[in-house]
Amino acid sequence: MYKYPQYNITAQRSGRDTFLTAHAPSESPLSLAAEKTAQLNALLSVAVENAAGGTFCNITEETQGHLLSLAAVLAHETLVLSELAALDDEGKGADG
């Protein structure tokens, strides 16, 4: 296992699989979901502005694919974090 404490990331291999884990100290799932949402919004805003200006077409298909892949990853991470936040809220409601 390789740890990169400066970046709060751990990478490890298990057989052919690679696992990346990002550590977010003292962050709640909801605050992380909000950060991912802001990142996704910024990425999509830039893409829309470039599409409207016609410059998005000047980006190679490979780069367009990477941008769309990044948007999909951010959307998925936001969904997972939001679901985790909802589960945390349900747990607090049942206990409190």
PDB file of N, CA and C in Angstrom:
ATOM      1  N   MET A   1       0.850  -1.171   0.000  1.00  0.00           N
ATOM      2  CA  MET A   1       0.000   0.000   0.000  1.00  0.00           C
ATOM      3  C   MET A   1       0.898   1.237   0.000  1.00  0.00           C
ATOM      4  N   TYR A   2       0.518   2.205  -0.825  1.00  0.00           N
ATOM      5  CA  TYR A   2       1.246   3.461  -0.899  1.00  0.00           C
ATOM      6  C   TYR A   2       0.366   4.565  -0.336  1.00  0.00           C
ATOM      7  N   LYS A   3       0.926   5.349   0.584  1.00  0.00           N
ATOM      8  CA  LYS A   3       0.183   6.453   1.168  1.00  0.00           C
ATOM      9  C   LYS A   3       0.841   7.758   0.753  1.00  0.00           C
ATOM     10  N   TYR A   4       0.012   8.714   0.410  1.00  0.00           N
ATOM     11  CA  TYR A   4       0.467  10.041   0.047  1.00  0.00           C
ATOM     12  C   TYR A   4      -0.199  11.025   1.002  1.00  0.00           C
ATOM     13  N   PRO A   5       0.348  11.160   2.225  1.00  0.00           N
ATOM     14  CA  PRO A   5      -0.318  11.972   3.240  1.00  0.00           C
ATOM     15  C   PRO A   5      -0.475  13.440   2.840  1.00  0.00           C
ATOM     16  N   GLN A   6       0.424  13.922   2.021  1.00  0.00           N
ATOM     17  CA  GLN A   6       0.332  15.318   1.598  1.00  0.00           C
ATOM     18  C   GLN A   6      -0.956  15.554   0.811  1.00  0.00           C
ATOM     19  N   TYR A   7      -1.394  14.550   0.069  1.00  0.00           N
ATOM     20  CA  TYR A   7      -2.590  14.669  -0.756  1.00  0.00           C
ATOM     21  C   TYR A   7      -3.789  13.936  -0.165  1.00  0.00           C
ATOM     22  N   ASN A   8      -3.626  13.323   1.016  1.00  0.00           N
ATOM     23  CA  ASN A   8      -4.684  12.545   1.663  1.00  0.00           C
ATOM     24  C   ASN A   8      -5.223  11.442   0.765  1.00  0.00           C
ATOM     25  N   ILE A   9      -4.322  10.777   0.043  1.00  0.00           N
ATOM     26  CA  ILE A   9      -4.710   9.699  -0.867  1.00  0.00           C
ATOM     27  C   ILE A   9      -3.907   8.447  -0.529  1.00  0.00           C
ATOM     28  N   THR A  10      -4.600   7.314  -0.561  1.00  0.00           N
ATOM     29  CA  THR A  10      -3.954   6.019  -0.401  1.00  0.00           C
ATOM     30  C   THR A  10      -4.224   5.205  -1.653  1.00  0.00           C
ATOM     31  N   ALA A  11      -3.187   4.559  -2.169  1.00  0.00           N
ATOM     32  CA  ALA A  11      -3.331   3.689  -3.337  1.00  0.00           C
ATOM     33  C   ALA A  11      -2.819   2.303  -2.963  1.00  0.00           C
ATOM     34  N   GLN A  12      -3.574   1.284  -3.380  1.00  0.00           N
ATOM     35  CA  GLN A  12      -3.111  -0.076  -3.129  1.00  0.00           C
ATOM     36  C   GLN A  12      -3.552  -1.002  -4.247  1.00  0.00           C
ATOM     37  N   ARG A  13      -2.782  -2.080  -4.401  1.00  0.00           N
ATOM     38  CA  ARG A  13      -3.090  -3.093  -5.403  1.00  0.00           C
ATOM     39  C   ARG A  13      -3.497  -4.361  -4.698  1.00  0.00           C
ATOM     40  N   SER A  14      -4.508  -5.023  -5.263  1.00  0.00           N
ATOM     41  CA  SER A  14      -4.942  -6.322  -4.789  1.00  0.00           C
ATOM     42  C   SER A  14      -5.184  -7.161  -6.037  1.00  0.00           C
ATOM     43  N   GLY A  15      -4.234  -8.021  -6.340  1.00  0.00           N
ATOM     44  CA  GLY A  15      -4.315  -8.774  -7.597  1.00  0.00           C
ATOM     45  C   GLY A  15      -4.220  -7.804  -8.761  1.00  0.00           C
ATOM     46  N   ARG A  16      -5.218  -7.844  -9.641  1.00  0.00           N
ATOM     47  CA  ARG A  16      -5.216  -6.948 -10.799  1.00  0.00           C
ATOM     48  C   ARG A  16      -5.961  -5.648 -10.528  1.00  0.00           C
ATOM     49  N   ASP A  17      -6.575  -5.529  -9.341  1.00  0.00           N
ATOM     50  CA  ASP A  17      -7.359  -4.351  -9.004  1.00  0.00           C
ATOM     51  C   ASP A  17      -6.499  -3.289  -8.341  1.00  0.00           C
ATOM     52  N   THR A  18      -6.827  -2.040  -8.601  1.00  0.00           N
ATOM     53  CA  THR A  18      -6.191  -0.905  -7.949  1.00  0.00           C
ATOM     54  C   THR A  18      -7.268  -0.126  -7.214  1.00  0.00           C
ATOM     55  N   PHE A  19      -6.990   0.216  -5.956  1.00  0.00           N
ATOM     56  CA  PHE A  19      -7.923   0.967  -5.143  1.00  0.00           C
ATOM     57  C   PHE A  19      -7.309   2.310  -4.775  1.00  0.00           C
ATOM     58  N   LEU A  20      -8.054   3.376  -5.024  1.00  0.00           N
ATOM     59  CA  LEU A  20      -7.657   4.714  -4.607  1.00  0.00           C
ATOM     60  C   LEU A  20      -8.638   5.166  -3.536  1.00  0.00           C
ATOM     61  N   THR A  21      -8.114   5.618  -2.438  1.00  0.00           N
ATOM     62  CA  THR A  21      -8.955   6.093  -1.355  1.00  0.00           C
ATOM     63  C   THR A  21      -8.532   7.507  -1.006  1.00  0.00           C
ATOM     64  N   ALA A  22      -9.487   8.425  -1.026  1.00  0.00           N
ATOM     65  CA  ALA A  22      -9.223   9.804  -0.632  1.00  0.00           C
ATOM     66  C   ALA A  22      -9.731   9.996   0.787  1.00  0.00           C
ATOM     67  N   HIS A  23      -8.874  10.520   1.628  1.00  0.00           N
ATOM     68  CA  HIS A  23      -9.239  10.770   3.022  1.00  0.00           C
ATOM     69  C   HIS A  23      -9.636  12.230   3.164  1.00  0.00           C
ATOM     70  N   ALA A  24     -10.808  12.467   3.725  1.00  0.00           N
ATOM     71  CA  ALA A  24     -11.309  13.828   3.929  1.00  0.00           C
ATOM     72  C   ALA A  24     -11.538  14.039   5.422  1.00  0.00           C
ATOM     73  N   PRO A  25     -10.490  14.438   6.135  1.00  0.00           N
ATOM     74  CA  PRO A  25     -10.624  14.581   7.588  1.00  0.00           C
ATOM     75  C   PRO A  25     -11.658  15.631   7.982  1.00  0.00           C
ATOM     76  N   SER A  26     -12.479  15.275   8.945  1.00  0.00           N
ATOM     77  CA  SER A  26     -13.485  16.178   9.539  1.00  0.00           C
ATOM     78  C   SER A  26     -14.493  16.718   8.530  1.00  0.00           C
ATOM     79  N   GLU A  27     -14.726  16.004   7.453  1.00  0.00           N
ATOM     80  CA  GLU A  27     -15.718  16.418   6.463  1.00  0.00           C
ATOM     81  C   GLU A  27     -16.924  15.499   6.559  1.00  0.00           C
ATOM     82  N   SER A  28     -18.099  16.076   6.430  1.00  0.00           N
ATOM     83  CA  SER A  28     -19.309  15.269   6.422  1.00  0.00           C
ATOM     84  C   SER A  28     -19.623  14.876   4.983  1.00  0.00           C
ATOM     85  N   PRO A  29     -20.395  13.818   4.777  1.00  0.00           N
ATOM     86  CA  PRO A  29     -20.784  13.442   3.415  1.00  0.00           C
ATOM     87  C   PRO A  29     -21.503  14.583   2.694  1.00  0.00           C
ATOM     88  N   LEU A  30     -22.318  15.328   3.423  1.00  0.00           N
ATOM     89  CA  LEU A  30     -23.061  16.428   2.806  1.00  0.00           C
ATOM     90  C   LEU A  30     -22.132  17.547   2.344  1.00  0.00           C
ATOM     91  N   SER A  31     -21.117  17.885   3.149  1.00  0.00           N
ATOM     92  CA  SER A  31     -20.190  18.944   2.741  1.00  0.00           C
ATOM     93  C   SER A  31     -19.341  18.495   1.556  1.00  0.00           C
ATOM     94  N   LEU A  32     -18.978  17.213   1.525  1.00  0.00           N
ATOM     95  CA  LEU A  32     -18.227  16.693   0.380  1.00  0.00           C
ATOM     96  C   LEU A  32     -19.102  16.661  -0.867  1.00  0.00           C
ATOM     97  N   ALA A  33     -20.371  16.304  -0.710  1.00  0.00           N
ATOM     98  CA  ALA A  33     -21.300  16.309  -1.847  1.00  0.00           C
ATOM     99  C   ALA A  33     -21.447  17.721  -2.391  1.00  0.00           C
ATOM    100  N   ALA A  34     -21.514  18.709  -1.502  1.00  0.00           N
ATOM    101  CA  ALA A  34     -21.615  20.104  -1.934  1.00  0.00           C
ATOM    102  C   ALA A  34     -20.370  20.527  -2.701  1.00  0.00           C
ATOM    103  N   GLU A  35     -19.200  20.093  -2.249  1.00  0.00           N
ATOM    104  CA  GLU A  35     -17.943  20.422  -2.953  1.00  0.00           C
ATOM    105  C   GLU A  35     -17.909  19.765  -4.333  1.00  0.00           C
ATOM    106  N   LYS A  36     -18.302  18.496  -4.401  1.00  0.00           N
ATOM    107  CA  LYS A  36     -18.332  17.797  -5.697  1.00  0.00           C
ATOM    108  C   LYS A  36     -19.344  18.452  -6.635  1.00  0.00           C
ATOM    109  N   THR A  37     -20.472  18.894  -6.084  1.00  0.00           N
ATOM    110  CA  THR A  37     -21.488  19.574  -6.891  1.00  0.00           C
ATOM    111  C   THR A  37     -20.931  20.876  -7.459  1.00  0.00           C
ATOM    112  N   ALA A  38     -20.201  21.622  -6.636  1.00  0.00           N
ATOM    113  CA  ALA A  38     -19.588  22.870  -7.100  1.00  0.00           C
ATOM    114  C   ALA A  38     -18.561  22.597  -8.202  1.00  0.00           C
ATOM    115  N   GLN A  39     -17.776  21.541  -8.051  1.00  0.00           N
ATOM    116  CA  GLN A  39     -16.793  21.175  -9.074  1.00  0.00           C
ATOM    117  C   GLN A  39     -17.483  20.791 -10.379  1.00  0.00           C
ATOM    118  N   LEU A  40     -18.540  19.989 -10.265  1.00  0.00           N
ATOM    119  CA  LEU A  40     -19.287  19.568 -11.451  1.00  0.00           C
ATOM    120  C   LEU A  40     -19.927  20.770 -12.131  1.00  0.00           C
ATOM    121  N   ASN A  41     -20.502  21.665 -11.351  1.00  0.00           N
ATOM    122  CA  ASN A  41     -21.112  22.870 -11.900  1.00  0.00           C
ATOM    123  C   ASN A  41     -20.080  23.708 -12.652  1.00  0.00           C
ATOM    124  N   ALA A  42     -18.899  23.871 -12.083  1.00  0.00           N
ATOM    125  CA  ALA A  42     -17.844  24.649 -12.738  1.00  0.00           C
ATOM    126  C   ALA A  42     -17.418  23.992 -14.052  1.00  0.00           C
ATOM    127  N   LEU A  43     -17.238  22.684 -14.027  1.00  0.00           N
ATOM    128  CA  LEU A  43     -16.835  21.959 -15.232  1.00  0.00           C
ATOM    129  C   LEU A  43     -17.886  22.091 -16.328  1.00  0.00           C
ATOM    130  N   LEU A  44     -19.147  21.896 -15.955  1.00  0.00           N
ATOM    131  CA  LEU A  44     -20.216  21.989 -16.947  1.00  0.00           C
ATOM    132  C   LEU A  44     -20.403  23.427 -17.445  1.00  0.00           C
ATOM    133  N   SER A  45     -20.206  24.402 -16.582  1.00  0.00           N
ATOM    134  CA  SER A  45     -20.301  25.811 -17.001  1.00  0.00           C
ATOM    135  C   SER A  45     -19.252  26.146 -18.054  1.00  0.00           C
ATOM    136  N   VAL A  46     -18.032  25.683 -17.834  1.00  0.00           N
ATOM    137  CA  VAL A  46     -16.963  25.913 -18.812  1.00  0.00           C
ATOM    138  C   VAL A  46     -17.289  25.210 -20.125  1.00  0.00           C
ATOM    139  N   ALA A  47     -17.795  23.982 -20.039  1.00  0.00           N
ATOM    140  CA  ALA A  47     -18.136  23.240 -21.254  1.00  0.00           C
ATOM    141  C   ALA A  47     -19.247  23.940 -22.025  1.00  0.00           C
ATOM    142  N   VAL A  48     -20.271  24.418 -21.313  1.00  0.00           N
ATOM    143  CA  VAL A  48     -21.387  25.099 -21.973  1.00  0.00           C
ATOM    144  C   VAL A  48     -20.917  26.400 -22.622  1.00  0.00           C
ATOM    145  N   GLU A  49     -20.095  27.167 -21.900  1.00  0.00           N
ATOM    146  CA  GLU A  49     -19.580  28.421 -22.458  1.00  0.00           C
ATOM    147  C   GLU A  49     -18.756  28.172 -23.717  1.00  0.00           C
ATOM    148  N   ASN A  50     -17.942  27.127 -23.694  1.00  0.00           N
ATOM    149  CA  ASN A  50     -17.127  26.813 -24.865  1.00  0.00           C
ATOM    150  C   ASN A  50     -17.973  26.267 -26.005  1.00  0.00           C
ATOM    151  N   ALA A  51     -19.030  25.534 -25.663  1.00  0.00           N
ATOM    152  CA  ALA A  51     -19.919  25.015 -26.705  1.00  0.00           C
ATOM    153  C   ALA A  51     -20.659  26.164 -27.370  1.00  0.00           C
ATOM    154  N   ALA A  52     -21.120  27.121 -26.562  1.00  0.00           N
ATOM    155  CA  ALA A  52     -21.845  28.275 -27.109  1.00  0.00           C
ATOM    156  C   ALA A  52     -20.940  29.126 -27.984  1.00  0.00           C
ATOM    157  N   GLY A  53     -19.678  29.213 -27.616  1.00  0.00           N
ATOM    158  CA  GLY A  53     -18.725  30.004 -28.391  1.00  0.00           C
ATOM    159  C   GLY A  53     -18.149  29.255 -29.573  1.00  0.00           C
ATOM    160  N   GLY A  54     -18.480  27.993 -29.693  1.00  0.00           N
ATOM    161  CA  GLY A  54     -17.985  27.193 -30.811  1.00  0.00           C
ATOM    162  C   GLY A  54     -16.591  26.630 -30.604  1.00  0.00           C
ATOM    163  N   THR A  55     -15.958  26.932 -29.469  1.00  0.00           N
ATOM    164  CA  THR A  55     -14.591  26.459 -29.249  1.00  0.00           C
ATOM    165  C   THR A  55     -14.538  25.029 -28.729  1.00  0.00           C
ATOM    166  N   PHE A  56     -15.667  24.499 -28.217  1.00  0.00           N
ATOM    167  CA  PHE A  56     -15.670  23.120 -27.719  1.00  0.00           C
ATOM    168  C   PHE A  56     -15.371  22.151 -28.855  1.00  0.00           C
ATOM    169  N   CYS A  57     -15.800  22.508 -30.060  1.00  0.00           N
ATOM    170  CA  CYS A  57     -15.545  21.654 -31.224  1.00  0.00           C
ATOM    171  C   CYS A  57     -14.065  21.605 -31.575  1.00  0.00           C
ATOM    172  N   ASN A  58     -13.315  22.613 -31.139  1.00  0.00           N
ATOM    173  CA  ASN A  58     -11.877  22.656 -31.416  1.00  0.00           C
ATOM    174  C   ASN A  58     -11.084  21.733 -30.505  1.00  0.00           C
ATOM    175  N   ILE A  59     -11.727  21.266 -29.439  1.00  0.00           N
ATOM    176  CA  ILE A  59     -11.069  20.328 -28.529  1.00  0.00           C
ATOM    177  C   ILE A  59     -11.130  18.939 -29.163  1.00  0.00           C
ATOM    178  N   THR A  60     -10.045  18.201 -29.056  1.00  0.00           N
ATOM    179  CA  THR A  60     -10.011  16.866 -29.657  1.00  0.00           C
ATOM    180  C   THR A  60     -11.070  15.963 -29.046  1.00  0.00           C
ATOM    181  N   GLU A  61     -11.483  14.957 -29.788  1.00  0.00           N
ATOM    182  CA  GLU A  61     -12.475  14.009 -29.283  1.00  0.00           C
ATOM    183  C   GLU A  61     -11.984  13.326 -28.014  1.00  0.00           C
ATOM    184  N   GLU A  62     -10.705  13.048 -27.958  1.00  0.00           N
ATOM    185  CA  GLU A  62     -10.141  12.404 -26.764  1.00  0.00           C
ATOM    186  C   GLU A  62     -10.302  13.312 -25.544  1.00  0.00           C
ATOM    187  N   THR A  63      -9.990  14.585 -25.695  1.00  0.00           N
ATOM    188  CA  THR A  63     -10.129  15.529 -24.585  1.00  0.00           C
ATOM    189  C   THR A  63     -11.593  15.722 -24.214  1.00  0.00           C
ATOM    190  N   GLN A  64     -12.473  15.782 -25.209  1.00  0.00           N
ATOM    191  CA  GLN A  64     -13.906  15.878 -24.933  1.00  0.00           C
ATOM    192  C   GLN A  64     -14.359  14.666 -24.121  1.00  0.00           C
ATOM    193  N   GLY A  65     -13.865  13.498 -24.497  1.00  0.00           N
ATOM    194  CA  GLY A  65     -14.197  12.271 -23.764  1.00  0.00           C
ATOM    195  C   GLY A  65     -13.726  12.325 -22.322  1.00  0.00           C
ATOM    196  N   HIS A  66     -12.517  12.862 -22.109  1.00  0.00           N
ATOM    197  CA  HIS A  66     -11.994  12.989 -20.749  1.00  0.00           C
ATOM    198  C   HIS A  66     -12.833  13.957 -19.927  1.00  0.00           C
ATOM    199  N   LEU A  67     -13.252  15.062 -20.526  1.00  0.00           N
ATOM    200  CA  LEU A  67     -14.094  16.034 -19.822  1.00  0.00           C
ATOM    201  C   LEU A  67     -15.434  15.416 -19.436  1.00  0.00           C
ATOM    202  N   LEU A  68     -16.034  14.692 -20.370  1.00  0.00           N
ATOM    203  CA  LEU A  68     -17.312  14.048 -20.084  1.00  0.00           C
ATOM    204  C   LEU A  68     -17.158  12.943 -19.042  1.00  0.00           C
ATOM    205  N   SER A  69     -16.057  12.230 -19.094  1.00  0.00           N
ATOM    206  CA  SER A  69     -15.780  11.191 -18.105  1.00  0.00           C
ATOM    207  C   SER A  69     -15.618  11.807 -16.719  1.00  0.00           C
ATOM    208  N   LEU A  70     -14.916  12.927 -16.639  1.00  0.00           N
ATOM    209  CA  LEU A  70     -14.752  13.625 -15.369  1.00  0.00           C
ATOM    210  C   LEU A  70     -16.106  14.086 -14.829  1.00  0.00           C
ATOM    211  N   ALA A  71     -16.949  14.608 -15.701  1.00  0.00           N
ATOM    212  CA  ALA A  71     -18.289  15.035 -15.289  1.00  0.00           C
ATOM    213  C   ALA A  71     -19.084  13.846 -14.751  1.00  0.00           C
ATOM    214  N   ALA A  72     -18.979  12.705 -15.409  1.00  0.00           N
ATOM    215  CA  ALA A  72     -19.700  11.515 -14.967  1.00  0.00           C
ATOM    216  C   ALA A  72     -19.188  11.040 -13.606  1.00  0.00           C
ATOM    217  N   VAL A  73     -17.882  11.065 -13.401  1.00  0.00           N
ATOM    218  CA  VAL A  73     -17.303  10.652 -12.118  1.00  0.00           C
ATOM    219  C   VAL A  73     -17.758  11.593 -11.006  1.00  0.00           C
ATOM    220  N   LEU A  74     -17.710  12.898 -11.261  1.00  0.00           N
ATOM    221  CA  LEU A  74     -18.153  13.866 -10.254  1.00  0.00           C
ATOM    222  C   LEU A  74     -19.636  13.676  -9.921  1.00  0.00           C
ATOM    223  N   ALA A  75     -20.451  13.430 -10.944  1.00  0.00           N
ATOM    224  CA  ALA A  75     -21.876  13.207 -10.713  1.00  0.00           C
ATOM    225  C   ALA A  75     -22.098  11.947  -9.873  1.00  0.00           C
ATOM    226  N   HIS A  76     -21.358  10.887 -10.170  1.00  0.00           N
ATOM    227  CA  HIS A  76     -21.497   9.637  -9.421  1.00  0.00           C
ATOM    228  C   HIS A  76     -21.042   9.819  -7.976  1.00  0.00           C
ATOM    229  N   GLU A  77     -19.912  10.492  -7.768  1.00  0.00           N
ATOM    230  CA  GLU A  77     -19.427  10.737  -6.415  1.00  0.00           C
ATOM    231  C   GLU A  77     -20.440  11.572  -5.627  1.00  0.00           C
ATOM    232  N   THR A  78     -21.034  12.573  -6.275  1.00  0.00           N
ATOM    233  CA  THR A  78     -22.039  13.408  -5.624  1.00  0.00           C
ATOM    234  C   THR A  78     -23.245  12.575  -5.213  1.00  0.00           C
ATOM    235  N   LEU A  79     -23.688  11.699  -6.093  1.00  0.00           N
ATOM    236  CA  LEU A  79     -24.819  10.821  -5.790  1.00  0.00           C
ATOM    237  C   LEU A  79     -24.526   9.936  -4.584  1.00  0.00           C
ATOM    238  N   VAL A  80     -23.367   9.295  -4.588  1.00  0.00           N
ATOM    239  CA  VAL A  80     -23.001   8.389  -3.496  1.00  0.00           C
ATOM    240  C   VAL A  80     -22.898   9.153  -2.175  1.00  0.00           C
ATOM    241  N   LEU A  81     -22.258  10.325  -2.203  1.00  0.00           N
ATOM    242  CA  LEU A  81     -22.120  11.118  -0.981  1.00  0.00           C
ATOM    243  C   LEU A  81     -23.481  11.618  -0.487  1.00  0.00           C
ATOM    244  N   SER A  82     -24.353  11.999  -1.410  1.00  0.00           N
ATOM    245  CA  SER A  82     -25.693  12.446  -1.028  1.00  0.00           C
ATOM    246  C   SER A  82     -26.483  11.312  -0.393  1.00  0.00           C
ATOM    247  N   GLU A  83     -26.376  10.120  -0.952  1.00  0.00           N
ATOM    248  CA  GLU A  83     -27.061   8.963  -0.379  1.00  0.00           C
ATOM    249  C   GLU A  83     -26.518   8.643   1.008  1.00  0.00           C
ATOM    250  N   LEU A  84     -25.203   8.762   1.173  1.00  0.00           N
ATOM    251  CA  LEU A  84     -24.596   8.524   2.485  1.00  0.00           C
ATOM    252  C   LEU A  84     -25.072   9.570   3.489  1.00  0.00           C
ATOM    253  N   ALA A  85     -25.161  10.826   3.059  1.00  0.00           N
ATOM    254  CA  ALA A  85     -25.662  11.887   3.940  1.00  0.00           C
ATOM    255  C   ALA A  85     -27.107  11.605   4.342  1.00  0.00           C
ATOM    256  N   ALA A  86     -27.909  11.128   3.407  1.00  0.00           N
ATOM    257  CA  ALA A  86     -29.311  10.804   3.721  1.00  0.00           C
ATOM    258  C   ALA A  86     -29.387   9.657   4.721  1.00  0.00           C
ATOM    259  N   LEU A  87     -28.533   8.662   4.561  1.00  0.00           N
ATOM    260  CA  LEU A  87     -28.508   7.551   5.508  1.00  0.00           C
ATOM    261  C   LEU A  87     -28.080   8.036   6.896  1.00  0.00           C
ATOM    262  N   ASP A  88     -27.099   8.943   6.948  1.00  0.00           N
ATOM    263  CA  ASP A  88     -26.671   9.511   8.231  1.00  0.00           C
ATOM    264  C   ASP A  88     -27.831  10.254   8.898  1.00  0.00           C
ATOM    265  N   ASP A  89     -28.597  11.017   8.109  1.00  0.00           N
ATOM    266  CA  ASP A  89     -29.747  11.748   8.652  1.00  0.00           C
ATOM    267  C   ASP A  89     -30.810  10.802   9.173  1.00  0.00           C
ATOM    268  N   GLU A  90     -31.050   9.711   8.435  1.00  0.00           N
ATOM    269  CA  GLU A  90     -32.035   8.714   8.883  1.00  0.00           C
ATOM    270  C   GLU A  90     -31.605   8.080  10.191  1.00  0.00           C
ATOM    271  N   GLY A  91     -30.304   7.793  10.306  1.00  0.00           N
ATOM    272  CA  GLY A  91     -29.771   7.196  11.533  1.00  0.00           C
ATOM    273  C   GLY A  91     -29.909   8.133  12.713  1.00  0.00           C
ATOM    274  N   LYS A  92     -29.682   9.433  12.496  1.00  0.00           N
ATOM    275  CA  LYS A  92     -29.817  10.406  13.579  1.00  0.00           C
ATOM    276  C   LYS A  92     -31.271  10.533  13.996  1.00  0.00           C
ATOM    277  N   GLY A  93     -32.167  10.498  12.991  1.00  0.00           N
ATOM    278  CA  GLY A  93     -33.593  10.608  13.281  1.00  0.00           C
ATOM    279  C   GLY A  93     -34.096   9.436  14.101  1.00  0.00           C
ATOM    280  N   ALA A  94     -33.591   8.250  13.815  1.00  0.00           N
ATOM    281  CA  ALA A  94     -34.047   7.052  14.526  1.00  0.00           C
ATOM    282  C   ALA A  94     -33.482   7.032  15.944  1.00  0.00           C
ATOM    283  N   ASP A  95     -32.243   7.545  16.130  1.00  0.00           N
ATOM    284  CA  ASP A  95     -31.606   7.530  17.436  1.00  0.00           C
ATOM    285  C   ASP A  95     -32.060   8.685  18.308  1.00  0.00           C
ATOM    286  N   GLY A  96     -32.369   9.835  17.668  1.00  0.00           N
ATOM    287  CA  GLY A  96     -32.643  11.038  18.444  1.00  0.00           C
ATOM    288  C   GLY A  96     -34.075  11.185  18.635  1.00  0.00           C
TER     289      GLY A  96
END
